[in-house]
Amino acid sequence: MTTYRESRPALLSLRTTLQLDAVVTGANGLAYIAGATVLDDLLGPAALVLAGIGVFLIGYALLVAWAGARDPIRKQMATLIVYLNVTWVAASLVVAASDLLALTTVGRIWVVLQAIVVGGFALVQVLALRASHNKL
C-alpha cells in the first residue's frame, strides 16, 4: 500500500482538494434531488433521471469525503478519484454533444460547465498528488 503525506506546499493540499470535491459534488447531488421537478423543464431530462443522478453524486461525494478523511491519504484511492473525475468529464461531454438525455440548450451549457468544474478538480488533485511525493 502506497501512502503519501504532504511534503511541500501545493496550491491546495490533496486533502483540501478531496474535501472541496466532496462538498461541491454532494451539494450538486442534493440540488438534483431537491430540485428535480423544477430542473427537469430547465435542463431537459426527466425528474426521475435527475434524482437518480443526484443519488449517484451523493454516493460519490461520500466516497471522496472518506478518501480525504483518511490519514494518511492512500495514493491509490486519490488516483482512482482523479480517474473517475476524468471519466465524468468525458461522459459529460458525450452527453452534451449527443441527444442521450434530451438536454435543452441550458442543459447542454450546464453539463459542459459542470464538466469544466470536475476537470478542474481532477487537475488540482493531480497537482496535489505530485506535490505529495514523500512515500511512507
Protein backbone atom coordinates (compact mmCIF):
# COMPACT_ATOMS: atom_id res chain seq x y z
CA MET A 1 0.00 0.00 0.00
CA THR A 2 1.45 3.34 -1.04
CA THR A 3 0.52 6.38 1.01
CA TYR A 4 1.55 9.98 0.84
CA ARG A 5 1.89 12.79 3.31
CA GLU A 6 2.03 16.42 2.32
CA SER A 7 5.73 17.24 1.88
CA ARG A 8 5.90 20.56 0.07
CA PRO A 9 3.25 23.19 -0.32
CA ALA A 10 0.91 22.86 -3.27
CA LEU A 11 -1.68 25.42 -4.30
CA LEU A 12 -4.14 23.25 -2.37
CA SER A 13 -3.33 20.16 -0.36
CA LEU A 14 -4.58 16.80 -1.57
CA ARG A 15 -6.83 16.61 1.48
CA THR A 16 -8.32 20.04 0.72
CA THR A 17 -8.94 19.20 -2.94
CA LEU A 18 -10.72 16.00 -1.96
CA GLN A 19 -12.78 17.76 0.70
CA LEU A 20 -13.80 20.53 -1.71
CA ASP A 21 -14.66 17.96 -4.37
CA ALA A 22 -16.84 16.09 -1.86
CA VAL A 23 -18.67 19.23 -0.72
CA VAL A 24 -19.34 20.53 -4.24
CA THR A 25 -20.35 17.09 -5.53
CA GLY A 26 -22.63 16.48 -2.55
CA ALA A 27 -24.27 19.89 -2.90
CA ASN A 28 -24.82 19.25 -6.60
CA GLY A 29 -26.36 15.88 -5.80
CA LEU A 30 -28.70 17.40 -3.21
CA ALA A 31 -29.72 20.09 -5.71
CA TYR A 32 -30.54 17.46 -8.33
CA ILE A 33 -32.70 15.56 -5.83
CA ALA A 34 -34.41 18.53 -4.19
CA GLY A 35 -34.96 20.42 -7.43
CA ALA A 36 -35.61 17.55 -9.81
CA THR A 37 -39.18 18.59 -10.61
CA VAL A 38 -38.08 22.16 -11.38
CA LEU A 39 -34.80 21.33 -13.08
CA ASP A 40 -36.39 18.85 -15.50
CA ASP A 41 -38.00 21.65 -17.53
CA LEU A 42 -34.87 23.79 -17.37
CA LEU A 43 -32.28 21.10 -18.15
CA GLY A 44 -34.31 18.58 -20.16
CA PRO A 45 -34.01 15.13 -18.53
CA ALA A 46 -36.98 13.75 -16.59
CA ALA A 47 -37.14 14.45 -12.86
CA LEU A 48 -36.53 10.77 -12.08
CA VAL A 49 -33.33 10.81 -14.14
CA LEU A 50 -32.12 13.96 -12.38
CA ALA A 51 -32.93 12.49 -8.96
CA GLY A 52 -31.03 9.32 -9.91
CA ILE A 53 -28.02 11.39 -10.91
CA GLY A 54 -28.34 13.19 -7.57
CA VAL A 55 -28.29 9.92 -5.63
CA PHE A 56 -25.21 8.81 -7.57
CA LEU A 57 -23.47 12.13 -6.87
CA ILE A 58 -24.18 11.90 -3.14
CA GLY A 59 -22.72 8.38 -3.05
CA TYR A 60 -19.66 9.57 -4.95
CA ALA A 61 -19.31 12.57 -2.62
CA LEU A 62 -19.31 10.22 0.37
CA LEU A 63 -16.54 8.14 -1.22
CA VAL A 64 -14.44 11.25 -1.93
CA ALA A 65 -15.05 12.59 1.60
CA TRP A 66 -13.98 9.25 3.08
CA ALA A 67 -10.81 9.22 0.95
CA GLY A 68 -9.99 12.77 2.02
CA ALA A 69 -10.53 12.00 5.70
CA ARG A 70 -8.03 9.13 5.84
CA ASP A 71 -4.69 9.76 7.48
CA PRO A 72 -2.58 9.27 5.57
CA ILE A 73 -4.45 9.57 2.29
CA ARG A 74 -3.93 6.48 0.12
CA LYS A 75 -2.32 7.37 -3.20
CA GLN A 76 -4.27 4.64 -4.99
CA MET A 77 -7.61 5.99 -3.77
CA ALA A 78 -6.74 9.58 -4.70
CA THR A 79 -5.58 8.40 -8.13
CA LEU A 80 -8.83 6.47 -8.59
CA ILE A 81 -10.79 9.62 -7.78
CA VAL A 82 -8.80 11.54 -10.41
CA TYR A 83 -9.61 8.84 -13.00
CA LEU A 84 -13.28 8.85 -12.02
CA ASN A 85 -13.39 12.65 -12.33
CA VAL A 86 -11.79 12.48 -15.78
CA THR A 87 -14.29 9.78 -16.77
CA TRP A 88 -17.15 12.02 -15.59
CA VAL A 89 -15.79 14.87 -17.73
CA ALA A 90 -15.58 12.65 -20.83
CA ALA A 91 -19.06 11.21 -20.25
CA SER A 92 -20.47 14.70 -19.69
CA LEU A 93 -19.04 15.94 -22.97
CA VAL A 94 -20.51 12.94 -24.80
CA VAL A 95 -23.91 13.62 -23.23
CA ALA A 96 -23.70 17.33 -24.07
CA ALA A 97 -22.78 16.60 -27.69
CA SER A 98 -25.45 13.94 -28.17
CA ASP A 99 -29.15 13.57 -27.53
CA LEU A 100 -28.80 10.82 -24.92
CA LEU A 101 -30.64 12.80 -22.24
CA ALA A 102 -32.67 15.18 -24.44
CA LEU A 103 -30.95 18.21 -22.95
CA THR A 104 -32.25 21.70 -23.52
CA THR A 105 -29.79 24.40 -24.57
CA VAL A 106 -29.49 25.42 -20.92
CA GLY A 107 -28.98 21.75 -20.04
CA ARG A 108 -26.14 21.40 -22.54
CA ILE A 109 -24.47 24.53 -21.20
CA TRP A 110 -24.90 23.28 -17.62
CA VAL A 111 -23.40 19.88 -18.43
CA VAL A 112 -20.36 21.50 -20.07
CA LEU A 113 -19.92 23.94 -17.16
CA GLN A 114 -20.04 21.21 -14.54
CA ALA A 115 -17.60 19.16 -16.64
CA ILE A 116 -15.20 22.11 -16.51
CA VAL A 117 -15.53 22.23 -12.70
CA VAL A 118 -14.94 18.48 -12.37
CA GLY A 119 -11.98 18.73 -14.75
CA GLY A 120 -10.60 21.49 -12.55
CA PHE A 121 -10.88 19.23 -9.51
CA ALA A 122 -9.05 16.47 -11.39
CA LEU A 123 -6.27 18.88 -12.33
CA VAL A 124 -5.71 20.25 -8.82
CA GLN A 125 -5.85 16.72 -7.43
CA VAL A 126 -3.12 15.61 -9.86
CA LEU A 127 -1.01 18.63 -8.91
CA ALA A 128 -1.53 17.89 -5.21
CA LEU A 129 -0.62 14.23 -5.75
CA ARG A 130 2.61 15.28 -7.45
CA ALA A 131 3.41 17.66 -4.60
CA SER A 132 2.87 14.82 -2.11
CA HIS A 133 5.88 12.82 -3.20
CA ASN A 134 7.25 11.52 0.12
CA LYS A 135 6.38 7.83 0.23
CA LEU A 136 5.94 6.26 3.62
